[in-house]
């Protein structure tokens, strides 16, 4: 069993003006779940779980931000869901310096009072609301190969089929146009790939050079309901590449220099509502670990 106790406070004007007031909300709910695992031989683990879970509204969703960018919704109800998860982890290669790990997970969720963030197309103001019943079928697949502590390469892929199961328009017997449509503003197919290498005694004895590369992929999706298949409402397919290099050195490895470049090729990236994100970015960080320098 699990108890969800949520106490929120805010001091703001929910309409974005200067009439500031104190707001508070306290709520308590019960949930729970069961989980089991089974080891099949030495290299395979099977997992099964069920959970009755709640997603409680945040202060931002209930009260807004106070700057008229996001309006609150004080009548927002908690999101509840019945979740079933099935997973398997296998290590078909685990000998000497070689290790190959494969992960697969599948989930089924029935959600009531789904909390969905929306934006007003006229003024861009955001708000949250309960969006009725939602069904979610999804799966994740991951694979990773590592050679000792020298090199690794991995990849992950996810597919989420999240659809509205609210059949009728509230208060009527008229079937909703959004019935069984994908929930908008949520990517349903995405993945990433990573690779890294660790080199020792580079330039200086005892130094460590780490080079880490990542590629991210998000398939095209709509940020509004798909009823009319308007391409202007689509967030385009996105690819991005990041590179991270770290050099650790010193008599007791107390110095670290890190260089990071995100979105190397300056691709156009967007959030879930097609607002463009910043382009290529560089960062340099210098670190000194005082603990490593103690005798």
C-alpha atoms as a PDB file:
ATOM      1  CA  UNK A   1       0.000   0.000   0.000  1.00  0.00           C
ATOM      2  CA  UNK A   2       1.108   3.565  -0.645  1.00  0.00           C
ATOM      3  CA  UNK A   3      -0.253   6.857   0.656  1.00  0.00           C
ATOM      4  CA  UNK A   4       0.054   9.979  -1.490  1.00  0.00           C
ATOM      5  CA  UNK A   5       0.099  13.120   0.663  1.00  0.00           C
ATOM      6  CA  UNK A   6       0.497  16.352  -1.259  1.00  0.00           C
ATOM      7  CA  UNK A   7       0.653  19.847   0.283  1.00  0.00           C
ATOM      8  CA  UNK A   8       1.135  22.780  -2.090  1.00  0.00           C
ATOM      9  CA  UNK A   9       1.490  26.500  -1.372  1.00  0.00           C
ATOM     10  CA  UNK A  10       1.841  29.495  -3.672  1.00  0.00           C
ATOM     11  CA  UNK A  11       1.784  33.289  -3.399  1.00  0.00           C
ATOM     12  CA  UNK A  12       0.699  34.812  -6.699  1.00  0.00           C
ATOM     13  CA  UNK A  13      -2.079  36.276  -8.797  1.00  0.00           C
ATOM     14  CA  UNK A  14      -3.466  33.363 -10.864  1.00  0.00           C
ATOM     15  CA  UNK A  15      -4.573  35.868 -13.536  1.00  0.00           C
ATOM     16  CA  UNK A  16      -1.074  37.275 -13.973  1.00  0.00           C
ATOM     17  CA  UNK A  17      -1.793  40.652 -12.380  1.00  0.00           C
ATOM     18  CA  UNK A  18      -0.642  42.265  -9.130  1.00  0.00           C
ATOM     19  CA  UNK A  19      -3.432  40.998  -6.845  1.00  0.00           C
ATOM     20  CA  UNK A  20      -1.167  38.552  -5.002  1.00  0.00           C
ATOM     21  CA  UNK A  21      -2.769  36.086  -2.615  1.00  0.00           C
ATOM     22  CA  UNK A  22      -1.797  32.991  -0.647  1.00  0.00           C
ATOM     23  CA  UNK A  23      -3.008  29.708  -2.063  1.00  0.00           C
ATOM     24  CA  UNK A  24      -2.690  26.256  -0.554  1.00  0.00           C
ATOM     25  CA  UNK A  25      -3.972  22.779  -1.241  1.00  0.00           C
ATOM     26  CA  UNK A  26      -3.618  19.553   0.756  1.00  0.00           C
ATOM     27  CA  UNK A  27      -4.765  16.191  -0.512  1.00  0.00           C
ATOM     28  CA  UNK A  28      -4.286  12.556   0.473  1.00  0.00           C
ATOM     29  CA  UNK A  29      -4.969   9.413  -1.543  1.00  0.00           C
ATOM     30  CA  UNK A  30      -4.197   5.715  -1.363  1.00  0.00           C
ATOM     31  CA  UNK A  31      -2.564   3.549  -3.985  1.00  0.00           C
ATOM     32  CA  UNK A  32      -0.578   0.351  -4.097  1.00  0.00           C
ATOM     33  CA  UNK A  33       0.840  -2.435  -6.159  1.00  0.00           C
ATOM     34  CA  UNK A  34       2.518  -5.822  -6.401  1.00  0.00           C
ATOM     35  CA  UNK A  35       5.786  -6.838  -8.060  1.00  0.00           C
ATOM     36  CA  UNK A  36       7.566 -10.115  -8.654  1.00  0.00           C
ATOM     37  CA  UNK A  37      10.741 -11.266 -10.359  1.00  0.00           C
ATOM     38  CA  UNK A  38      12.007 -14.625 -11.569  1.00  0.00           C
ATOM     39  CA  UNK A  39      15.528 -15.632 -12.551  1.00  0.00           C
ATOM     40  CA  UNK A  40      15.584 -18.091 -15.413  1.00  0.00           C
ATOM     41  CA  UNK A  41      19.042 -19.570 -15.288  1.00  0.00           C
ATOM     42  CA  UNK A  42      22.023 -17.301 -14.725  1.00  0.00           C
ATOM     43  CA  UNK A  43      21.470 -14.870 -17.577  1.00  0.00           C
ATOM     44  CA  UNK A  44      17.728 -14.083 -17.768  1.00  0.00           C
ATOM     45  CA  UNK A  45      15.534 -12.121 -15.362  1.00  0.00           C
ATOM     46  CA  UNK A  46      11.748 -11.833 -15.799  1.00  0.00           C
ATOM     47  CA  UNK A  47       9.684  -9.103 -14.088  1.00  0.00           C
ATOM     48  CA  UNK A  48       5.948  -8.588 -13.630  1.00  0.00           C
ATOM     49  CA  UNK A  49       4.200  -5.827 -11.693  1.00  0.00           C
ATOM     50  CA  UNK A  50       0.812  -4.216 -11.148  1.00  0.00           C
ATOM     51  CA  UNK A  51       0.238  -0.773  -9.657  1.00  0.00           C
ATOM     52  CA  UNK A  52      -2.707   1.451  -8.882  1.00  0.00           C
ATOM     53  CA  UNK A  53      -0.986   4.812  -9.100  1.00  0.00           C
ATOM     54  CA  UNK A  54      -1.843   8.489  -8.830  1.00  0.00           C
ATOM     55  CA  UNK A  55      -0.302  11.536 -10.441  1.00  0.00           C
ATOM     56  CA  UNK A  56      -1.132  14.520  -8.242  1.00  0.00           C
ATOM     57  CA  UNK A  57      -1.445  18.026  -9.733  1.00  0.00           C
ATOM     58  CA  UNK A  58       1.526  20.327  -9.208  1.00  0.00           C
ATOM     59  CA  UNK A  59       1.437  23.857  -7.790  1.00  0.00           C
ATOM     60  CA  UNK A  60       1.955  25.215 -11.309  1.00  0.00           C
ATOM     61  CA  UNK A  61      -1.033  23.245 -12.638  1.00  0.00           C
ATOM     62  CA  UNK A  62      -3.351  24.187  -9.766  1.00  0.00           C
ATOM     63  CA  UNK A  63      -2.407  27.837  -9.229  1.00  0.00           C
ATOM     64  CA  UNK A  64      -0.610  28.911 -12.407  1.00  0.00           C
ATOM     65  CA  UNK A  65       2.705  30.711 -12.616  1.00  0.00           C
ATOM     66  CA  UNK A  66       1.523  34.204 -11.701  1.00  0.00           C
ATOM     67  CA  UNK A  67       3.038  35.754 -14.842  1.00  0.00           C
ATOM     68  CA  UNK A  68       0.037  35.170 -17.133  1.00  0.00           C
ATOM     69  CA  UNK A  69       2.044  32.607 -19.110  1.00  0.00           C
ATOM     70  CA  UNK A  70       0.299  29.662 -17.491  1.00  0.00           C
ATOM     71  CA  UNK A  71      -3.120  29.806 -15.865  1.00  0.00           C
ATOM     72  CA  UNK A  72      -4.006  27.540 -12.959  1.00  0.00           C
ATOM     73  CA  UNK A  73      -6.966  25.184 -12.715  1.00  0.00           C
ATOM     74  CA  UNK A  74      -8.105  24.825  -9.097  1.00  0.00           C
ATOM     75  CA  UNK A  75     -10.669  22.140 -10.036  1.00  0.00           C
ATOM     76  CA  UNK A  76      -8.002  19.799 -11.405  1.00  0.00           C
ATOM     77  CA  UNK A  77      -8.397  16.233 -10.125  1.00  0.00           C
ATOM     78  CA  UNK A  78      -5.602  13.696  -9.583  1.00  0.00           C
ATOM     79  CA  UNK A  79      -4.782  11.400 -12.453  1.00  0.00           C
ATOM     80  CA  UNK A  80      -5.321   7.730 -11.550  1.00  0.00           C
ATOM     81  CA  UNK A  81      -4.130   4.686 -13.450  1.00  0.00           C
ATOM     82  CA  UNK A  82      -4.043   0.896 -13.382  1.00  0.00           C
ATOM     83  CA  UNK A  83      -0.632  -0.184 -14.661  1.00  0.00           C
ATOM     84  CA  UNK A  84       0.650  -3.590 -15.741  1.00  0.00           C
ATOM     85  CA  UNK A  85       4.346  -3.929 -16.576  1.00  0.00           C
ATOM     86  CA  UNK A  86       6.215  -6.909 -18.009  1.00  0.00           C
ATOM     87  CA  UNK A  87       9.986  -6.865 -18.454  1.00  0.00           C
ATOM     88  CA  UNK A  88      12.884  -9.133 -19.315  1.00  0.00           C
ATOM     89  CA  UNK A  89      16.651  -8.616 -18.984  1.00  0.00           C
ATOM     90  CA  UNK A  90      19.069 -11.029 -20.626  1.00  0.00           C
ATOM     91  CA  UNK A  91      22.865 -11.236 -20.672  1.00  0.00           C
ATOM     92  CA  UNK A  92      23.627 -13.709 -23.484  1.00  0.00           C
ATOM     93  CA  UNK A  93      27.321 -12.745 -23.382  1.00  0.00           C
ATOM     94  CA  UNK A  94      29.031 -12.296 -20.025  1.00  0.00           C
ATOM     95  CA  UNK A  95      32.507 -13.725 -20.171  1.00  0.00           C
ATOM     96  CA  UNK A  96      35.916 -12.198 -19.668  1.00  0.00           C
ATOM     97  CA  UNK A  97      36.004  -8.635 -20.932  1.00  0.00           C
ATOM     98  CA  UNK A  98      32.834  -8.949 -23.006  1.00  0.00           C
ATOM     99  CA  UNK A  99      29.326  -8.196 -21.761  1.00  0.00           C
ATOM    100  CA  UNK A 100      26.140  -7.929 -23.840  1.00  0.00           C
ATOM    101  CA  UNK A 101      22.885  -6.942 -22.125  1.00  0.00           C
ATOM    102  CA  UNK A 102      19.412  -6.833 -23.686  1.00  0.00           C
ATOM    103  CA  UNK A 103      16.374  -5.228 -22.028  1.00  0.00           C
ATOM    104  CA  UNK A 104      12.753  -5.317 -23.133  1.00  0.00           C
ATOM    105  CA  UNK A 105       9.749  -3.912 -21.270  1.00  0.00           C
ATOM    106  CA  UNK A 106       6.055  -3.691 -22.092  1.00  0.00           C
ATOM    107  CA  UNK A 107       3.404  -1.651 -20.339  1.00  0.00           C
ATOM    108  CA  UNK A 108      -0.374  -1.358 -20.316  1.00  0.00           C
ATOM    109  CA  UNK A 109      -2.027   1.585 -18.604  1.00  0.00           C
ATOM    110  CA  UNK A 110      -5.679   2.565 -18.137  1.00  0.00           C
ATOM    111  CA  UNK A 111      -5.787   6.200 -17.037  1.00  0.00           C
ATOM    112  CA  UNK A 112      -8.714   8.173 -15.642  1.00  0.00           C
ATOM    113  CA  UNK A 113      -8.803  11.984 -15.362  1.00  0.00           C
ATOM    114  CA  UNK A 114      -5.655  12.231 -17.473  1.00  0.00           C
ATOM    115  CA  UNK A 115      -3.944  15.597 -16.850  1.00  0.00           C
ATOM    116  CA  UNK A 116      -3.049  17.233 -20.159  1.00  0.00           C
ATOM    117  CA  UNK A 117      -1.268  20.544 -20.653  1.00  0.00           C
ATOM    118  CA  UNK A 118      -2.701  22.666 -23.479  1.00  0.00           C
ATOM    119  CA  UNK A 119      -1.881  26.021 -25.035  1.00  0.00           C
ATOM    120  CA  UNK A 120      -4.153  28.713 -26.456  1.00  0.00           C
ATOM    121  CA  UNK A 121      -3.283  29.213 -30.136  1.00  0.00           C
ATOM    122  CA  UNK A 122      -4.261  32.891 -29.984  1.00  0.00           C
ATOM    123  CA  UNK A 123      -2.162  34.079 -27.040  1.00  0.00           C
ATOM    124  CA  UNK A 124       0.131  31.132 -26.293  1.00  0.00           C
ATOM    125  CA  UNK A 125      -1.113  30.916 -22.702  1.00  0.00           C
ATOM    126  CA  UNK A 126      -0.912  27.416 -21.201  1.00  0.00           C
ATOM    127  CA  UNK A 127      -3.200  25.599 -18.791  1.00  0.00           C
ATOM    128  CA  UNK A 128      -3.898  22.057 -17.637  1.00  0.00           C
ATOM    129  CA  UNK A 129      -7.127  20.094 -17.590  1.00  0.00           C
ATOM    130  CA  UNK A 130      -8.476  16.609 -16.960  1.00  0.00           C
ATOM    131  CA  UNK A 131      -8.948  14.894 -20.287  1.00  0.00           C
ATOM    132  CA  UNK A 132     -11.095  11.878 -19.408  1.00  0.00           C
ATOM    133  CA  UNK A 133     -10.015   8.299 -20.047  1.00  0.00           C
ATOM    134  CA  UNK A 134      -6.780   7.353 -21.797  1.00  0.00           C
ATOM    135  CA  UNK A 135      -5.333   3.972 -22.747  1.00  0.00           C
ATOM    136  CA  UNK A 136      -1.595   3.540 -23.110  1.00  0.00           C
ATOM    137  CA  UNK A 137       0.180   0.588 -24.728  1.00  0.00           C
ATOM    138  CA  UNK A 138       3.936   0.861 -24.908  1.00  0.00           C
ATOM    139  CA  UNK A 139       7.224  -0.900 -25.194  1.00  0.00           C
ATOM    140  CA  UNK A 140      10.919  -0.189 -24.675  1.00  0.00           C
ATOM    141  CA  UNK A 141      13.885  -2.068 -26.079  1.00  0.00           C
ATOM    142  CA  UNK A 142      17.505  -1.539 -25.170  1.00  0.00           C
ATOM    143  CA  UNK A 143      20.806  -3.200 -25.990  1.00  0.00           C
ATOM    144  CA  UNK A 144      24.294  -2.518 -24.629  1.00  0.00           C
ATOM    145  CA  UNK A 145      27.700  -4.014 -25.338  1.00  0.00           C
ATOM    146  CA  UNK A 146      30.747  -3.250 -23.190  1.00  0.00           C
ATOM    147  CA  UNK A 147      34.357  -4.315 -23.503  1.00  0.00           C
ATOM    148  CA  UNK A 148      35.989  -4.261 -20.070  1.00  0.00           C
ATOM    149  CA  UNK A 149      36.109  -0.648 -18.845  1.00  0.00           C
ATOM    150  CA  UNK A 150      37.471   0.562 -22.177  1.00  0.00           C
ATOM    151  CA  UNK A 151      34.540   0.845 -24.569  1.00  0.00           C
ATOM    152  CA  UNK A 152      30.745   0.632 -24.702  1.00  0.00           C
ATOM    153  CA  UNK A 153      27.984   1.114 -27.255  1.00  0.00           C
ATOM    154  CA  UNK A 154      24.258   1.078 -26.570  1.00  0.00           C
ATOM    155  CA  UNK A 155      20.880   1.933 -28.029  1.00  0.00           C
ATOM    156  CA  UNK A 156      17.306   2.389 -26.809  1.00  0.00           C
ATOM    157  CA  UNK A 157      14.027   2.521 -28.686  1.00  0.00           C
ATOM    158  CA  UNK A 158      10.546   3.336 -27.330  1.00  0.00           C
ATOM    159  CA  UNK A 159       7.063   3.213 -28.817  1.00  0.00           C
ATOM    160  CA  UNK A 160       4.027   4.564 -26.958  1.00  0.00           C
ATOM    161  CA  UNK A 161       0.476   4.248 -28.262  1.00  0.00           C
ATOM    162  CA  UNK A 162      -1.494   6.634 -26.029  1.00  0.00           C
ATOM    163  CA  UNK A 163      -5.072   7.259 -27.162  1.00  0.00           C
ATOM    164  CA  UNK A 164      -8.189   8.963 -25.850  1.00  0.00           C
ATOM    165  CA  UNK A 165     -10.863   6.489 -24.759  1.00  0.00           C
ATOM    166  CA  UNK A 166     -13.462   9.130 -23.922  1.00  0.00           C
ATOM    167  CA  UNK A 167     -16.148   8.141 -26.395  1.00  0.00           C
ATOM    168  CA  UNK A 168     -18.768  10.842 -25.921  1.00  0.00           C
ATOM    169  CA  UNK A 169     -18.630  14.611 -25.594  1.00  0.00           C
ATOM    170  CA  UNK A 170     -19.274  15.511 -21.942  1.00  0.00           C
ATOM    171  CA  UNK A 171     -22.995  15.757 -21.184  1.00  0.00           C
ATOM    172  CA  UNK A 172     -24.100  14.430 -24.596  1.00  0.00           C
ATOM    173  CA  UNK A 173     -24.498  11.190 -26.523  1.00  0.00           C
ATOM    174  CA  UNK A 174     -22.479  12.614 -29.441  1.00  0.00           C
ATOM    175  CA  UNK A 175     -19.333  10.661 -30.194  1.00  0.00           C
ATOM    176  CA  UNK A 176     -16.182  12.707 -29.730  1.00  0.00           C
ATOM    177  CA  UNK A 177     -14.032  13.371 -32.792  1.00  0.00           C
ATOM    178  CA  UNK A 178     -11.033  12.616 -30.612  1.00  0.00           C
ATOM    179  CA  UNK A 179     -12.216   9.127 -29.644  1.00  0.00           C
ATOM    180  CA  UNK A 180      -9.326   6.659 -30.118  1.00  0.00           C
ATOM    181  CA  UNK A 181      -7.093   9.427 -31.503  1.00  0.00           C
ATOM    182  CA  UNK A 182      -3.509   9.788 -30.292  1.00  0.00           C
ATOM    183  CA  UNK A 183      -3.025  12.132 -27.352  1.00  0.00           C
ATOM    184  CA  UNK A 184      -1.386  15.237 -28.858  1.00  0.00           C
ATOM    185  CA  UNK A 185       1.875  16.894 -27.822  1.00  0.00           C
ATOM    186  CA  UNK A 186       3.446  13.587 -26.752  1.00  0.00           C
ATOM    187  CA  UNK A 187       6.104  11.857 -28.903  1.00  0.00           C
ATOM    188  CA  UNK A 188       5.111   8.263 -29.607  1.00  0.00           C
ATOM    189  CA  UNK A 189       8.310   6.949 -31.231  1.00  0.00           C
ATOM    190  CA  UNK A 190      11.788   7.935 -30.111  1.00  0.00           C
ATOM    191  CA  UNK A 191      15.195   6.536 -29.278  1.00  0.00           C
ATOM    192  CA  UNK A 192      18.842   7.223 -28.690  1.00  0.00           C
ATOM    193  CA  UNK A 193      22.241   5.680 -29.270  1.00  0.00           C
ATOM    194  CA  UNK A 194      25.386   6.126 -27.214  1.00  0.00           C
ATOM    195  CA  UNK A 195      29.017   5.191 -27.479  1.00  0.00           C
ATOM    196  CA  UNK A 196      31.908   5.856 -25.148  1.00  0.00           C
ATOM    197  CA  UNK A 197      35.583   5.128 -24.808  1.00  0.00           C
ATOM    198  CA  UNK A 198      37.909   5.481 -21.830  1.00  0.00           C
ATOM    199  CA  UNK A 199      41.658   5.920 -22.418  1.00  0.00           C
ATOM    200  CA  UNK A 200      44.199   5.858 -19.623  1.00  0.00           C
ATOM    201  CA  UNK A 201      47.650   7.417 -19.239  1.00  0.00           C
ATOM    202  CA  UNK A 202      46.923   9.917 -22.039  1.00  0.00           C
ATOM    203  CA  UNK A 203      49.508  12.753 -22.000  1.00  0.00           C
ATOM    204  CA  UNK A 204      50.146  12.146 -18.279  1.00  0.00           C
ATOM    205  CA  UNK A 205      50.619   8.983 -16.264  1.00  0.00           C
ATOM    206  CA  UNK A 206      47.456   8.184 -14.291  1.00  0.00           C
ATOM    207  CA  UNK A 207      45.297  10.531 -16.379  1.00  0.00           C
ATOM    208  CA  UNK A 208      41.944   9.374 -17.792  1.00  0.00           C
ATOM    209  CA  UNK A 209      40.333  10.595 -21.005  1.00  0.00           C
ATOM    210  CA  UNK A 210      36.610   9.875 -21.476  1.00  0.00           C
ATOM    211  CA  UNK A 211      34.890  10.511 -24.820  1.00  0.00           C
ATOM    212  CA  UNK A 212      31.112  10.094 -24.923  1.00  0.00           C
ATOM    213  CA  UNK A 213      28.835  10.495 -27.958  1.00  0.00           C
ATOM    214  CA  UNK A 214      25.012  10.487 -28.032  1.00  0.00           C
ATOM    215  CA  UNK A 215      22.452  10.627 -30.834  1.00  0.00           C
ATOM    216  CA  UNK A 216      18.775  11.397 -30.125  1.00  0.00           C
ATOM    217  CA  UNK A 217      15.806  10.706 -32.389  1.00  0.00           C
ATOM    218  CA  UNK A 218      12.146  11.756 -32.140  1.00  0.00           C
ATOM    219  CA  UNK A 219       9.664  10.844 -34.861  1.00  0.00           C
ATOM    220  CA  UNK A 220       7.238  13.442 -36.198  1.00  0.00           C
ATOM    221  CA  UNK A 221       4.119  13.876 -34.046  1.00  0.00           C
ATOM    222  CA  UNK A 222       1.202  16.289 -33.743  1.00  0.00           C
ATOM    223  CA  UNK A 223       0.807  18.856 -30.970  1.00  0.00           C
ATOM    224  CA  UNK A 224      -2.943  19.134 -31.615  1.00  0.00           C
ATOM    225  CA  UNK A 225      -5.615  16.517 -32.189  1.00  0.00           C
ATOM    226  CA  UNK A 226      -5.064  14.684 -35.479  1.00  0.00           C
ATOM    227  CA  UNK A 227      -8.648  14.910 -36.676  1.00  0.00           C
ATOM    228  CA  UNK A 228      -7.880  17.057 -39.715  1.00  0.00           C
ATOM    229  CA  UNK A 229      -4.289  15.876 -40.375  1.00  0.00           C
ATOM    230  CA  UNK A 230      -3.005  19.433 -40.725  1.00  0.00           C
ATOM    231  CA  UNK A 231       0.794  19.289 -41.335  1.00  0.00           C
ATOM    232  CA  UNK A 232       1.176  22.773 -39.801  1.00  0.00           C
ATOM    233  CA  UNK A 233       0.280  21.199 -36.458  1.00  0.00           C
ATOM    234  CA  UNK A 234       3.069  18.616 -36.694  1.00  0.00           C
ATOM    235  CA  UNK A 235       6.355  18.731 -34.814  1.00  0.00           C
ATOM    236  CA  UNK A 236       8.867  17.482 -37.437  1.00  0.00           C
ATOM    237  CA  UNK A 237      11.156  14.490 -37.055  1.00  0.00           C
ATOM    238  CA  UNK A 238      14.249  15.465 -35.057  1.00  0.00           C
ATOM    239  CA  UNK A 239      17.815  14.158 -34.959  1.00  0.00           C
ATOM    240  CA  UNK A 240      20.472  15.629 -32.693  1.00  0.00           C
ATOM    241  CA  UNK A 241      24.041  14.713 -31.784  1.00  0.00           C
ATOM    242  CA  UNK A 242      25.950  15.515 -28.578  1.00  0.00           C
ATOM    243  CA  UNK A 243      29.613  15.059 -27.661  1.00  0.00           C
ATOM    244  CA  UNK A 244      31.130  15.069 -24.178  1.00  0.00           C
ATOM    245  CA  UNK A 245      34.872  14.910 -23.435  1.00  0.00           C
ATOM    246  CA  UNK A 246      36.326  14.735 -19.930  1.00  0.00           C
ATOM    247  CA  UNK A 247      40.004  14.702 -18.895  1.00  0.00           C
ATOM    248  CA  UNK A 248      40.876  13.729 -15.335  1.00  0.00           C
ATOM    249  CA  UNK A 249      44.444  14.150 -14.107  1.00  0.00           C
ATOM    250  CA  UNK A 250      46.641  15.051 -11.152  1.00  0.00           C
ATOM    251  CA  UNK A 251      48.700  13.152  -8.601  1.00  0.00           C
ATOM    252  CA  UNK A 252      45.462  11.957  -7.011  1.00  0.00           C
ATOM    253  CA  UNK A 253      43.152  12.610  -9.978  1.00  0.00           C
ATOM    254  CA  UNK A 254      41.960  15.816  -8.332  1.00  0.00           C
ATOM    255  CA  UNK A 255      41.710  17.918 -11.525  1.00  0.00           C
ATOM    256  CA  UNK A 256      39.001  17.553 -14.174  1.00  0.00           C
ATOM    257  CA  UNK A 257      38.452  19.469 -17.406  1.00  0.00           C
ATOM    258  CA  UNK A 258      35.204  18.810 -19.280  1.00  0.00           C
ATOM    259  CA  UNK A 259      34.095  20.025 -22.704  1.00  0.00           C
ATOM    260  CA  UNK A 260      30.572  19.507 -23.994  1.00  0.00           C
ATOM    261  CA  UNK A 261      28.913  20.274 -27.320  1.00  0.00           C
ATOM    262  CA  UNK A 262      25.177  19.716 -27.625  1.00  0.00           C
ATOM    263  CA  UNK A 263      23.371  19.638 -30.965  1.00  0.00           C
ATOM    264  CA  UNK A 264      26.672  19.469 -32.852  1.00  0.00           C
ATOM    265  CA  UNK A 265      25.150  19.986 -36.297  1.00  0.00           C
ATOM    266  CA  UNK A 266      22.836  22.805 -35.176  1.00  0.00           C
ATOM    267  CA  UNK A 267      19.660  20.933 -36.107  1.00  0.00           C
ATOM    268  CA  UNK A 268      16.285  22.578 -35.580  1.00  0.00           C
ATOM    269  CA  UNK A 269      14.855  21.119 -32.395  1.00  0.00           C
ATOM    270  CA  UNK A 270      11.436  21.747 -30.871  1.00  0.00           C
ATOM    271  CA  UNK A 271       9.556  21.134 -27.666  1.00  0.00           C
ATOM    272  CA  UNK A 272       6.237  19.290 -27.550  1.00  0.00           C
ATOM    273  CA  UNK A 273       4.327  22.397 -28.704  1.00  0.00           C
ATOM    274  CA  UNK A 274       6.658  23.231 -31.624  1.00  0.00           C
ATOM    275  CA  UNK A 275       8.474  26.018 -29.809  1.00  0.00           C
ATOM    276  CA  UNK A 276      12.025  26.034 -31.181  1.00  0.00           C
ATOM    277  CA  UNK A 277      14.810  25.138 -28.750  1.00  0.00           C
ATOM    278  CA  UNK A 278      18.278  26.762 -28.681  1.00  0.00           C
ATOM    279  CA  UNK A 279      20.731  25.542 -31.308  1.00  0.00           C
ATOM    280  CA  UNK A 280      24.311  24.359 -30.968  1.00  0.00           C
ATOM    281  CA  UNK A 281      25.853  25.024 -27.568  1.00  0.00           C
ATOM    282  CA  UNK A 282      29.329  24.668 -26.058  1.00  0.00           C
ATOM    283  CA  UNK A 283      30.253  24.365 -22.402  1.00  0.00           C
ATOM    284  CA  UNK A 284      33.588  24.086 -20.600  1.00  0.00           C
ATOM    285  CA  UNK A 285      33.908  23.131 -16.943  1.00  0.00           C
ATOM    286  CA  UNK A 286      36.962  23.009 -14.677  1.00  0.00           C
ATOM    287  CA  UNK A 287      36.846  20.973 -11.489  1.00  0.00           C
ATOM    288  CA  UNK A 288      39.010  20.346  -8.484  1.00  0.00           C
ATOM    289  CA  UNK A 289      38.220  17.615  -5.946  1.00  0.00           C
ATOM    290  CA  UNK A 290      39.515  18.617  -2.515  1.00  0.00           C
ATOM    291  CA  UNK A 291      38.697  15.198  -1.060  1.00  0.00           C
ATOM    292  CA  UNK A 292      40.991  13.465  -3.519  1.00  0.00           C
ATOM    293  CA  UNK A 293      43.847  15.703  -2.396  1.00  0.00           C
ATOM    294  CA  UNK A 294      43.719  14.680   1.278  1.00  0.00           C
ATOM    295  CA  UNK A 295      46.485  12.487   2.620  1.00  0.00           C
END
